[in-house]
Every structure is written in structure tokens, then in C-alpha cells.
Amino acid sequence: MSDAETRRENTNQGKNKIAVKIYDEEYVIKGQADTMVIEKIAAYVDRKMRLVGQRNPQLSLSKIAVLAALNIAEDFVKLHEDYNTLSKQFDEVKKLGSGS
């Protein structure tokens, strides 16, 4: 199974079961999320880990994973801040448009 390949299965409880490869390790994930979403997330995590590993080849797998997690958390925080800023701006524009 290559990094991009996955194995999908639908369990009898209505949950999806999918095998993904992240940083050359296979992980089986079960859940109700769409398998395409899980694949995208796994590919994103794999990319982040590979970037950290390429920049720091001396690091252990656990350190690569933690640094990748920190990078992903930073991406999330930035997106959340951007969302809040845009949401406030949208609310202000709505107020101006309604004449309040």
C-alpha cells in the first residue's frame, strides 16, 4: 500500500473502517466520518510529518510526530483567528446594510 492508498470497509454498525498510511506506518481508523475526509486528513498529517522529518532527519519518530502536531495546531489556530475576524467583519457589514 503506497502513502496515497487506503483500504476501505463499511462495518455493520454503520461506521466506516479505513486503513491509511502516515509516515510509512499503517493506521486503521473507524468512525462515521466520510472516508474521503479521513484520507485527506491522513495525507495532510503525512505531509506535515515528512516536512519535519526532511528538515530534521536526526529526530526520532515521536519527536517528528509532536513537531508535526504543533505545526498542525498552529495552522488550526491561525485559521480559527481568521474565521473570527471575518465573522466579525461580516456582522459589521450586515449591521451597516440593515441601517442599525
PDB file of N, CA and C in Angstrom:
ATOM      1  N   MET A   1       0.852  -1.168   0.000  1.00  0.00           N
ATOM      2  CA  MET A   1       0.000   0.000   0.000  1.00  0.00           C
ATOM      3  C   MET A   1       0.901   1.234   0.000  1.00  0.00           C
ATOM      4  N   SER A   2       0.755   2.113  -0.987  1.00  0.00           N
ATOM      5  CA  SER A   2       1.542   3.339  -1.044  1.00  0.00           C
ATOM      6  C   SER A   2       0.972   4.358  -0.076  1.00  0.00           C
ATOM      7  N   ASP A   3       1.680   5.499   0.080  1.00  0.00           N
ATOM      8  CA  ASP A   3       1.228   6.522   1.008  1.00  0.00           C
ATOM      9  C   ASP A   3      -0.173   7.008   0.672  1.00  0.00           C
ATOM     10  N   ALA A   4      -0.491   7.071  -0.615  1.00  0.00           N
ATOM     11  CA  ALA A   4      -1.781   7.600  -1.022  1.00  0.00           C
ATOM     12  C   ALA A   4      -2.886   6.542  -1.004  1.00  0.00           C
ATOM     13  N   GLU A   5      -2.505   5.281  -0.893  1.00  0.00           N
ATOM     14  CA  GLU A   5      -3.503   4.217  -0.948  1.00  0.00           C
ATOM     15  C   GLU A   5      -4.174   4.011   0.396  1.00  0.00           C
ATOM     16  N   THR A   6      -5.409   3.557   0.330  1.00  0.00           N
ATOM     17  CA  THR A   6      -6.161   3.249   1.539  1.00  0.00           C
ATOM     18  C   THR A   6      -7.004   2.018   1.293  1.00  0.00           C
ATOM     19  N   ARG A   7      -7.384   1.368   2.373  1.00  0.00           N
ATOM     20  CA  ARG A   7      -8.334   0.266   2.292  1.00  0.00           C
ATOM     21  C   ARG A   7      -9.577   0.703   3.035  1.00  0.00           C
ATOM     22  N   ARG A   8     -10.734   0.547   2.391  1.00  0.00           N
ATOM     23  CA  ARG A   8     -11.998   0.981   2.984  1.00  0.00           C
ATOM     24  C   ARG A   8     -12.895  -0.209   3.235  1.00  0.00           C
ATOM     25  N   GLU A   9     -13.696  -0.069   4.278  1.00  0.00           N
ATOM     26  CA  GLU A   9     -14.631  -1.129   4.619  1.00  0.00           C
ATOM     27  C   GLU A   9     -15.764  -0.483   5.407  1.00  0.00           C
ATOM     28  N   ASN A  10     -16.976  -0.966   5.205  1.00  0.00           N
ATOM     29  CA  ASN A  10     -18.103  -0.467   5.973  1.00  0.00           C
ATOM     30  C   ASN A  10     -18.473  -1.530   6.993  1.00  0.00           C
ATOM     31  N   THR A  11     -18.402  -1.185   8.279  1.00  0.00           N
ATOM     32  CA  THR A  11     -18.716  -2.156   9.319  1.00  0.00           C
ATOM     33  C   THR A  11     -20.220  -2.253   9.496  1.00  0.00           C
ATOM     34  N   ASN A  12     -20.658  -3.266  10.210  1.00  0.00           N
ATOM     35  CA  ASN A  12     -22.097  -3.488  10.370  1.00  0.00           C
ATOM     36  C   ASN A  12     -22.757  -2.488  11.312  1.00  0.00           C
ATOM     37  N   GLN A  13     -22.014  -1.647  12.004  1.00  0.00           N
ATOM     38  CA  GLN A  13     -22.610  -0.644  12.884  1.00  0.00           C
ATOM     39  C   GLN A  13     -22.762   0.707  12.192  1.00  0.00           C
ATOM     40  N   GLY A  14     -22.628   0.743  10.882  1.00  0.00           N
ATOM     41  CA  GLY A  14     -22.763   1.994  10.147  1.00  0.00           C
ATOM     42  C   GLY A  14     -21.522   2.861  10.218  1.00  0.00           C
ATOM     43  N   LYS A  15     -20.451   2.311  10.752  1.00  0.00           N
ATOM     44  CA  LYS A  15     -19.201   3.061  10.825  1.00  0.00           C
ATOM     45  C   LYS A  15     -18.300   2.645   9.671  1.00  0.00           C
ATOM     46  N   ASN A  16     -17.510   3.594   9.223  1.00  0.00           N
ATOM     47  CA  ASN A  16     -16.533   3.307   8.182  1.00  0.00           C
ATOM     48  C   ASN A  16     -15.241   2.843   8.843  1.00  0.00           C
ATOM     49  N   LYS A  17     -14.583   1.932   8.192  1.00  0.00           N
ATOM     50  CA  LYS A  17     -13.282   1.466   8.643  1.00  0.00           C
ATOM     51  C   LYS A  17     -12.327   1.680   7.476  1.00  0.00           C
ATOM     52  N   ILE A  18     -11.250   2.398   7.735  1.00  0.00           N
ATOM     53  CA  ILE A  18     -10.327   2.725   6.659  1.00  0.00           C
ATOM     54  C   ILE A  18      -8.892   2.573   7.153  1.00  0.00           C
ATOM     55  N   ALA A  19      -8.056   1.987   6.319  1.00  0.00           N
ATOM     56  CA  ALA A  19      -6.631   1.866   6.619  1.00  0.00           C
ATOM     57  C   ALA A  19      -5.897   2.934   5.828  1.00  0.00           C
ATOM     58  N   VAL A  20      -5.088   3.717   6.525  1.00  0.00           N
ATOM     59  CA  VAL A  20      -4.312   4.773   5.884  1.00  0.00           C
ATOM     60  C   VAL A  20      -2.851   4.607   6.276  1.00  0.00           C
ATOM     61  N   LYS A  21      -1.973   5.167   5.466  1.00  0.00           N
ATOM     62  CA  LYS A  21      -0.554   5.153   5.776  1.00  0.00           C
ATOM     63  C   LYS A  21      -0.102   6.569   6.080  1.00  0.00           C
ATOM     64  N   ILE A  22       0.518   6.720   7.241  1.00  0.00           N
ATOM     65  CA  ILE A  22       1.072   8.003   7.640  1.00  0.00           C
ATOM     66  C   ILE A  22       2.522   7.762   8.034  1.00  0.00           C
ATOM     67  N   TYR A  23       3.411   8.403   7.341  1.00  0.00           N
ATOM     68  CA  TYR A  23       4.852   8.300   7.611  1.00  0.00           C
ATOM     69  C   TYR A  23       5.296   6.843   7.647  1.00  0.00           C
ATOM     70  N   ASP A  24       4.849   6.121   6.643  1.00  0.00           N
ATOM     71  CA  ASP A  24       5.197   4.717   6.415  1.00  0.00           C
ATOM     72  C   ASP A  24       4.650   3.741   7.460  1.00  0.00           C
ATOM     73  N   GLU A  25       3.705   4.189   8.257  1.00  0.00           N
ATOM     74  CA  GLU A  25       3.038   3.307   9.223  1.00  0.00           C
ATOM     75  C   GLU A  25       1.561   3.225   8.855  1.00  0.00           C
ATOM     76  N   GLU A  26       0.995   2.016   8.942  1.00  0.00           N
ATOM     77  CA  GLU A  26      -0.420   1.853   8.636  1.00  0.00           C
ATOM     78  C   GLU A  26      -1.253   2.025   9.906  1.00  0.00           C
ATOM     79  N   TYR A  27      -2.342   2.773   9.769  1.00  0.00           N
ATOM     80  CA  TYR A  27      -3.277   3.007  10.868  1.00  0.00           C
ATOM     81  C   TYR A  27      -4.679   2.670  10.376  1.00  0.00           C
ATOM     82  N   VAL A  28      -5.426   1.934  11.172  1.00  0.00           N
ATOM     83  CA  VAL A  28      -6.816   1.624  10.848  1.00  0.00           C
ATOM     84  C   VAL A  28      -7.684   2.561  11.663  1.00  0.00           C
ATOM     85  N   ILE A  29      -8.520   3.300  10.960  1.00  0.00           N
ATOM     86  CA  ILE A  29      -9.369   4.299  11.605  1.00  0.00           C
ATOM     87  C   ILE A  29     -10.822   3.900  11.396  1.00  0.00           C
ATOM     88  N   LYS A  30     -11.592   3.901  12.483  1.00  0.00           N
ATOM     89  CA  LYS A  30     -13.023   3.608  12.422  1.00  0.00           C
ATOM     90  C   LYS A  30     -13.771   4.850  12.855  1.00  0.00           C
ATOM     91  N   GLY A  31     -14.845   5.138  12.165  1.00  0.00           N
ATOM     92  CA  GLY A  31     -15.649   6.288  12.548  1.00  0.00           C
ATOM     93  C   GLY A  31     -16.753   6.549  11.554  1.00  0.00           C
ATOM     94  N   GLN A  32     -17.556   7.533  11.866  1.00  0.00           N
ATOM     95  CA  GLN A  32     -18.675   7.876  10.995  1.00  0.00           C
ATOM     96  C   GLN A  32     -18.314   8.927   9.956  1.00  0.00           C
ATOM     97  N   ALA A  33     -17.121   9.478  10.057  1.00  0.00           N
ATOM     98  CA  ALA A  33     -16.687  10.488   9.087  1.00  0.00           C
ATOM     99  C   ALA A  33     -16.559   9.856   7.707  1.00  0.00           C
ATOM    100  N   ASP A  34     -16.794  10.667   6.703  1.00  0.00           N
ATOM    101  CA  ASP A  34     -16.649  10.228   5.322  1.00  0.00           C
ATOM    102  C   ASP A  34     -15.209   9.775   5.085  1.00  0.00           C
ATOM    103  N   THR A  35     -15.048   8.667   4.400  1.00  0.00           N
ATOM    104  CA  THR A  35     -13.706   8.119   4.183  1.00  0.00           C
ATOM    105  C   THR A  35     -12.816   9.064   3.377  1.00  0.00           C
ATOM    106  N   MET A  36     -13.395   9.833   2.483  1.00  0.00           N
ATOM    107  CA  MET A  36     -12.595  10.785   1.706  1.00  0.00           C
ATOM    108  C   MET A  36     -12.021  11.870   2.622  1.00  0.00           C
ATOM    109  N   VAL A  37     -12.779  12.269   3.622  1.00  0.00           N
ATOM    110  CA  VAL A  37     -12.297  13.268   4.581  1.00  0.00           C
ATOM    111  C   VAL A  37     -11.155  12.680   5.399  1.00  0.00           C
ATOM    112  N   ILE A  38     -11.313  11.451   5.850  1.00  0.00           N
ATOM    113  CA  ILE A  38     -10.259  10.785   6.619  1.00  0.00           C
ATOM    114  C   ILE A  38      -8.994  10.671   5.774  1.00  0.00           C
ATOM    115  N   GLU A  39      -9.145  10.319   4.509  1.00  0.00           N
ATOM    116  CA  GLU A  39      -7.985  10.221   3.617  1.00  0.00           C
ATOM    117  C   GLU A  39      -7.268  11.559   3.486  1.00  0.00           C
ATOM    118  N   LYS A  40      -8.033  12.640   3.339  1.00  0.00           N
ATOM    119  CA  LYS A  40      -7.431  13.971   3.224  1.00  0.00           C
ATOM    120  C   LYS A  40      -6.684  14.340   4.492  1.00  0.00           C
ATOM    121  N   ILE A  41      -7.278  14.040   5.640  1.00  0.00           N
ATOM    122  CA  ILE A  41      -6.632  14.349   6.911  1.00  0.00           C
ATOM    123  C   ILE A  41      -5.343  13.547   7.061  1.00  0.00           C
ATOM    124  N   ALA A  42      -5.414  12.260   6.741  1.00  0.00           N
ATOM    125  CA  ALA A  42      -4.225  11.405   6.839  1.00  0.00           C
ATOM    126  C   ALA A  42      -3.119  11.909   5.909  1.00  0.00           C
ATOM    127  N   ALA A  43      -3.480  12.311   4.706  1.00  0.00           N
ATOM    128  CA  ALA A  43      -2.490  12.829   3.754  1.00  0.00           C
ATOM    129  C   ALA A  43      -1.873  14.129   4.273  1.00  0.00           C
ATOM    130  N   TYR A  44      -2.675  14.961   4.913  1.00  0.00           N
ATOM    131  CA  TYR A  44      -2.189  16.221   5.481  1.00  0.00           C
ATOM    132  C   TYR A  44      -1.193  15.952   6.608  1.00  0.00           C
ATOM    133  N   VAL A  45      -1.546  15.037   7.498  1.00  0.00           N
ATOM    134  CA  VAL A  45      -0.651  14.678   8.596  1.00  0.00           C
ATOM    135  C   VAL A  45       0.643  14.076   8.039  1.00  0.00           C
ATOM    136  N   ASP A  46       0.525  13.207   7.050  1.00  0.00           N
ATOM    137  CA  ASP A  46       1.700  12.606   6.426  1.00  0.00           C
ATOM    138  C   ASP A  46       2.620  13.683   5.850  1.00  0.00           C
ATOM    139  N   ARG A  47       2.043  14.652   5.137  1.00  0.00           N
ATOM    140  CA  ARG A  47       2.838  15.745   4.547  1.00  0.00           C
ATOM    141  C   ARG A  47       3.565  16.534   5.633  1.00  0.00           C
ATOM    142  N   LYS A  48       2.847  16.863   6.693  1.00  0.00           N
ATOM    143  CA  LYS A  48       3.452  17.637   7.784  1.00  0.00           C
ATOM    144  C   LYS A  48       4.594  16.865   8.435  1.00  0.00           C
ATOM    145  N   MET A  49       4.393  15.568   8.669  1.00  0.00           N
ATOM    146  CA  MET A  49       5.450  14.761   9.275  1.00  0.00           C
ATOM    147  C   MET A  49       6.651  14.647   8.351  1.00  0.00           C
ATOM    148  N   ARG A  50       6.410  14.484   7.062  1.00  0.00           N
ATOM    149  CA  ARG A  50       7.518  14.374   6.112  1.00  0.00           C
ATOM    150  C   ARG A  50       8.312  15.685   6.030  1.00  0.00           C
ATOM    151  N   LEU A  51       7.630  16.810   6.082  1.00  0.00           N
ATOM    152  CA  LEU A  51       8.334  18.096   6.081  1.00  0.00           C
ATOM    153  C   LEU A  51       9.238  18.223   7.298  1.00  0.00           C
ATOM    154  N   VAL A  52       8.709  17.882   8.466  1.00  0.00           N
ATOM    155  CA  VAL A  52       9.510  17.951   9.689  1.00  0.00           C
ATOM    156  C   VAL A  52      10.680  16.965   9.600  1.00  0.00           C
ATOM    157  N   GLY A  53      10.409  15.744   9.139  1.00  0.00           N
ATOM    158  CA  GLY A  53      11.447  14.726   9.036  1.00  0.00           C
ATOM    159  C   GLY A  53      12.547  15.097   8.052  1.00  0.00           C
ATOM    160  N   GLN A  54      12.167  15.739   6.942  1.00  0.00           N
ATOM    161  CA  GLN A  54      13.169  16.153   5.951  1.00  0.00           C
ATOM    162  C   GLN A  54      14.060  17.262   6.505  1.00  0.00           C
ATOM    163  N   ARG A  55      13.461  18.165   7.263  1.00  0.00           N
ATOM    164  CA  ARG A  55      14.231  19.283   7.826  1.00  0.00           C
ATOM    165  C   ARG A  55      15.079  18.867   9.023  1.00  0.00           C
ATOM    166  N   ASN A  56      14.665  17.788   9.690  1.00  0.00           N
ATOM    167  CA  ASN A  56      15.341  17.337  10.908  1.00  0.00           C
ATOM    168  C   ASN A  56      15.508  15.819  10.895  1.00  0.00           C
ATOM    169  N   PRO A  57      16.358  15.298  10.017  1.00  0.00           N
ATOM    170  CA  PRO A  57      16.457  13.844   9.863  1.00  0.00           C
ATOM    171  C   PRO A  57      16.976  13.110  11.100  1.00  0.00           C
ATOM    172  N   GLN A  58      17.589  13.828  12.038  1.00  0.00           N
ATOM    173  CA  GLN A  58      18.126  13.191  13.226  1.00  0.00           C
ATOM    174  C   GLN A  58      17.058  12.924  14.290  1.00  0.00           C
ATOM    175  N   LEU A  59      15.868  13.469  14.131  1.00  0.00           N
ATOM    176  CA  LEU A  59      14.831  13.338  15.157  1.00  0.00           C
ATOM    177  C   LEU A  59      14.192  11.957  15.158  1.00  0.00           C
ATOM    178  N   SER A  60      13.746  11.552  16.329  1.00  0.00           N
ATOM    179  CA  SER A  60      13.008  10.294  16.469  1.00  0.00           C
ATOM    180  C   SER A  60      11.603  10.463  15.904  1.00  0.00           C
ATOM    181  N   LEU A  61      10.955   9.340  15.674  1.00  0.00           N
ATOM    182  CA  LEU A  61       9.586   9.364  15.155  1.00  0.00           C
ATOM    183  C   LEU A  61       8.651  10.125  16.088  1.00  0.00           C
ATOM    184  N   SER A  62       8.788   9.904  17.389  1.00  0.00           N
ATOM    185  CA  SER A  62       7.891  10.587  18.327  1.00  0.00           C
ATOM    186  C   SER A  62       8.099  12.098  18.304  1.00  0.00           C
ATOM    187  N   LYS A  63       9.332  12.543  18.167  1.00  0.00           N
ATOM    188  CA  LYS A  63       9.584  13.991  18.102  1.00  0.00           C
ATOM    189  C   LYS A  63       9.067  14.575  16.794  1.00  0.00           C
ATOM    190  N   ILE A  64       9.222  13.836  15.716  1.00  0.00           N
ATOM    191  CA  ILE A  64       8.674  14.284  14.427  1.00  0.00           C
ATOM    192  C   ILE A  64       7.159  14.427  14.544  1.00  0.00           C
ATOM    193  N   ALA A  65       6.516  13.446  15.178  1.00  0.00           N
ATOM    194  CA  ALA A  65       5.056  13.490  15.332  1.00  0.00           C
ATOM    195  C   ALA A  65       4.620  14.677  16.182  1.00  0.00           C
ATOM    196  N   VAL A  66       5.336  14.939  17.277  1.00  0.00           N
ATOM    197  CA  VAL A  66       4.966  16.066  18.145  1.00  0.00           C
ATOM    198  C   VAL A  66       5.163  17.394  17.425  1.00  0.00           C
ATOM    199  N   LEU A  67       6.281  17.550  16.721  1.00  0.00           N
ATOM    200  CA  LEU A  67       6.506  18.796  15.986  1.00  0.00           C
ATOM    201  C   LEU A  67       5.485  18.980  14.872  1.00  0.00           C
ATOM    202  N   ALA A  68       5.129  17.888  14.193  1.00  0.00           N
ATOM    203  CA  ALA A  68       4.089  17.975  13.164  1.00  0.00           C
ATOM    204  C   ALA A  68       2.754  18.367  13.796  1.00  0.00           C
ATOM    205  N   ALA A  69       2.455  17.801  14.961  1.00  0.00           N
ATOM    206  CA  ALA A  69       1.211  18.154  15.662  1.00  0.00           C
ATOM    207  C   ALA A  69       1.205  19.635  16.036  1.00  0.00           C
ATOM    208  N   LEU A  70       2.331  20.149  16.478  1.00  0.00           N
ATOM    209  CA  LEU A  70       2.414  21.578  16.798  1.00  0.00           C
ATOM    210  C   LEU A  70       2.207  22.437  15.552  1.00  0.00           C
ATOM    211  N   ASN A  71       2.782  22.024  14.419  1.00  0.00           N
ATOM    212  CA  ASN A  71       2.578  22.759  13.162  1.00  0.00           C
ATOM    213  C   ASN A  71       1.118  22.737  12.743  1.00  0.00           C
ATOM    214  N   ILE A  72       0.471  21.588  12.902  1.00  0.00           N
ATOM    215  CA  ILE A  72      -0.943  21.459  12.548  1.00  0.00           C
ATOM    216  C   ILE A  72      -1.795  22.320  13.483  1.00  0.00           C
ATOM    217  N   ALA A  73      -1.457  22.314  14.771  1.00  0.00           N
ATOM    218  CA  ALA A  73      -2.201  23.139  15.734  1.00  0.00           C
ATOM    219  C   ALA A  73      -2.033  24.621  15.402  1.00  0.00           C
ATOM    220  N   GLU A  74      -0.830  25.012  14.988  1.00  0.00           N
ATOM    221  CA  GLU A  74      -0.608  26.404  14.597  1.00  0.00           C
ATOM    222  C   GLU A  74      -1.480  26.762  13.391  1.00  0.00           C
ATOM    223  N   ASP A  75      -1.550  25.876  12.405  1.00  0.00           N
ATOM    224  CA  ASP A  75      -2.421  26.105  11.246  1.00  0.00           C
ATOM    225  C   ASP A  75      -3.866  26.287  11.695  1.00  0.00           C
ATOM    226  N   PHE A  76      -4.313  25.429  12.604  1.00  0.00           N
ATOM    227  CA  PHE A  76      -5.683  25.499  13.090  1.00  0.00           C
ATOM    228  C   PHE A  76      -5.953  26.826  13.811  1.00  0.00           C
ATOM    229  N   VAL A  77      -5.047  27.222  14.686  1.00  0.00           N
ATOM    230  CA  VAL A  77      -5.228  28.466  15.444  1.00  0.00           C
ATOM    231  C   VAL A  77      -5.297  29.659  14.493  1.00  0.00           C
ATOM    232  N   LYS A  78      -4.408  29.685  13.499  1.00  0.00           N
ATOM    233  CA  LYS A  78      -4.430  30.784  12.530  1.00  0.00           C
ATOM    234  C   LYS A  78      -5.753  30.817  11.765  1.00  0.00           C
ATOM    235  N   LEU A  79      -6.214  29.663  11.329  1.00  0.00           N
ATOM    236  CA  LEU A  79      -7.487  29.609  10.606  1.00  0.00           C
ATOM    237  C   LEU A  79      -8.655  30.034  11.492  1.00  0.00           C
ATOM    238  N   HIS A  80      -8.620  29.620  12.747  1.00  0.00           N
ATOM    239  CA  HIS A  80      -9.682  29.985  13.687  1.00  0.00           C
ATOM    240  C   HIS A  80      -9.697  31.503  13.913  1.00  0.00           C
ATOM    241  N   GLU A  81      -8.510  32.081  14.064  1.00  0.00           N
ATOM    242  CA  GLU A  81      -8.420  33.536  14.225  1.00  0.00           C
ATOM    243  C   GLU A  81      -8.929  34.256  12.979  1.00  0.00           C
ATOM    244  N   ASP A  82      -8.544  33.768  11.805  1.00  0.00           N
ATOM    245  CA  ASP A  82      -9.024  34.362  10.553  1.00  0.00           C
ATOM    246  C   ASP A  82     -10.532  34.257  10.451  1.00  0.00           C
ATOM    247  N   TYR A  83     -11.081  33.108  10.830  1.00  0.00           N
ATOM    248  CA  TYR A  83     -12.533  32.917  10.790  1.00  0.00           C
ATOM    249  C   TYR A  83     -13.229  33.921  11.711  1.00  0.00           C
ATOM    250  N   ASN A  84     -12.718  34.067  12.930  1.00  0.00           N
ATOM    251  CA  ASN A  84     -13.337  35.005  13.877  1.00  0.00           C
ATOM    252  C   ASN A  84     -13.282  36.433  13.356  1.00  0.00           C
ATOM    253  N   THR A  85     -12.151  36.822  12.763  1.00  0.00           N
ATOM    254  CA  THR A  85     -12.018  38.164  12.197  1.00  0.00           C
ATOM    255  C   THR A  85     -13.017  38.375  11.071  1.00  0.00           C
ATOM    256  N   LEU A  86     -13.107  37.414  10.161  1.00  0.00           N
ATOM    257  CA  LEU A  86     -14.054  37.533   9.045  1.00  0.00           C
ATOM    258  C   LEU A  86     -15.499  37.532   9.526  1.00  0.00           C
ATOM    259  N   SER A  87     -15.792  36.734  10.530  1.00  0.00           N
ATOM    260  CA  SER A  87     -17.148  36.674  11.072  1.00  0.00           C
ATOM    261  C   SER A  87     -17.549  38.027  11.671  1.00  0.00           C
ATOM    262  N   LYS A  88     -16.628  38.650  12.395  1.00  0.00           N
ATOM    263  CA  LYS A  88     -16.903  39.978  12.967  1.00  0.00           C
ATOM    264  C   LYS A  88     -17.101  41.010  11.865  1.00  0.00           C
ATOM    265  N   GLN A  89     -16.255  40.947  10.838  1.00  0.00           N
ATOM    266  CA  GLN A  89     -16.383  41.886   9.720  1.00  0.00           C
ATOM    267  C   GLN A  89     -17.719  41.685   9.008  1.00  0.00           C
ATOM    268  N   PHE A  90     -18.115  40.445   8.843  1.00  0.00           N
ATOM    269  CA  PHE A  90     -19.394  40.153   8.201  1.00  0.00           C
ATOM    270  C   PHE A  90     -20.552  40.717   9.023  1.00  0.00           C
ATOM    271  N   ASP A  91     -20.493  40.538  10.338  1.00  0.00           N
ATOM    272  CA  ASP A  91     -21.538  41.074  11.209  1.00  0.00           C
ATOM    273  C   ASP A  91     -21.616  42.592  11.120  1.00  0.00           C
ATOM    274  N   GLU A  92     -20.464  43.245  11.028  1.00  0.00           N
ATOM    275  CA  GLU A  92     -20.437  44.699  10.899  1.00  0.00           C
ATOM    276  C   GLU A  92     -21.055  45.142   9.572  1.00  0.00           C
ATOM    277  N   VAL A  93     -20.758  44.441   8.502  1.00  0.00           N
ATOM    278  CA  VAL A  93     -21.312  44.778   7.198  1.00  0.00           C
ATOM    279  C   VAL A  93     -22.830  44.568   7.212  1.00  0.00           C
ATOM    280  N   LYS A  94     -23.292  43.480   7.857  1.00  0.00           N
ATOM    281  CA  LYS A  94     -24.736  43.247   7.955  1.00  0.00           C
ATOM    282  C   LYS A  94     -25.421  44.374   8.714  1.00  0.00           C
ATOM    283  N   LYS A  95     -24.805  44.843   9.790  1.00  0.00           N
ATOM    284  CA  LYS A  95     -25.380  45.952  10.585  1.00  0.00           C
ATOM    285  C   LYS A  95     -25.470  47.211   9.742  1.00  0.00           C
ATOM    286  N   LEU A  96     -24.420  47.502   8.974  1.00  0.00           N
ATOM    287  CA  LEU A  96     -24.419  48.690   8.119  1.00  0.00           C
ATOM    288  C   LEU A  96     -25.495  48.581   7.046  1.00  0.00           C
ATOM    289  N   GLY A  97     -25.658  47.385   6.503  1.00  0.00           N
ATOM    290  CA  GLY A  97     -26.647  47.172   5.460  1.00  0.00           C
ATOM    291  C   GLY A  97     -28.078  47.249   5.958  1.00  0.00           C
ATOM    292  N   SER A  98     -28.294  46.911   7.223  1.00  0.00           N
ATOM    293  CA  SER A  98     -29.661  46.936   7.751  1.00  0.00           C
ATOM    294  C   SER A  98     -30.025  48.302   8.324  1.00  0.00           C
ATOM    295  N   GLY A  99     -29.031  49.209   8.396  1.00  0.00           N
ATOM    296  CA  GLY A  99     -29.310  50.561   8.874  1.00  0.00           C
ATOM    297  C   GLY A  99     -29.423  50.666  10.357  1.00  0.00           C
ATOM    298  N   SER A 100     -28.903  49.696  11.115  1.00  0.00           N
ATOM    299  CA  SER A 100     -28.973  49.771  12.593  1.00  0.00           C
ATOM    300  C   SER A 100     -27.892  50.628  13.157  1.00  0.00           C
TER     301      SER A 100
END
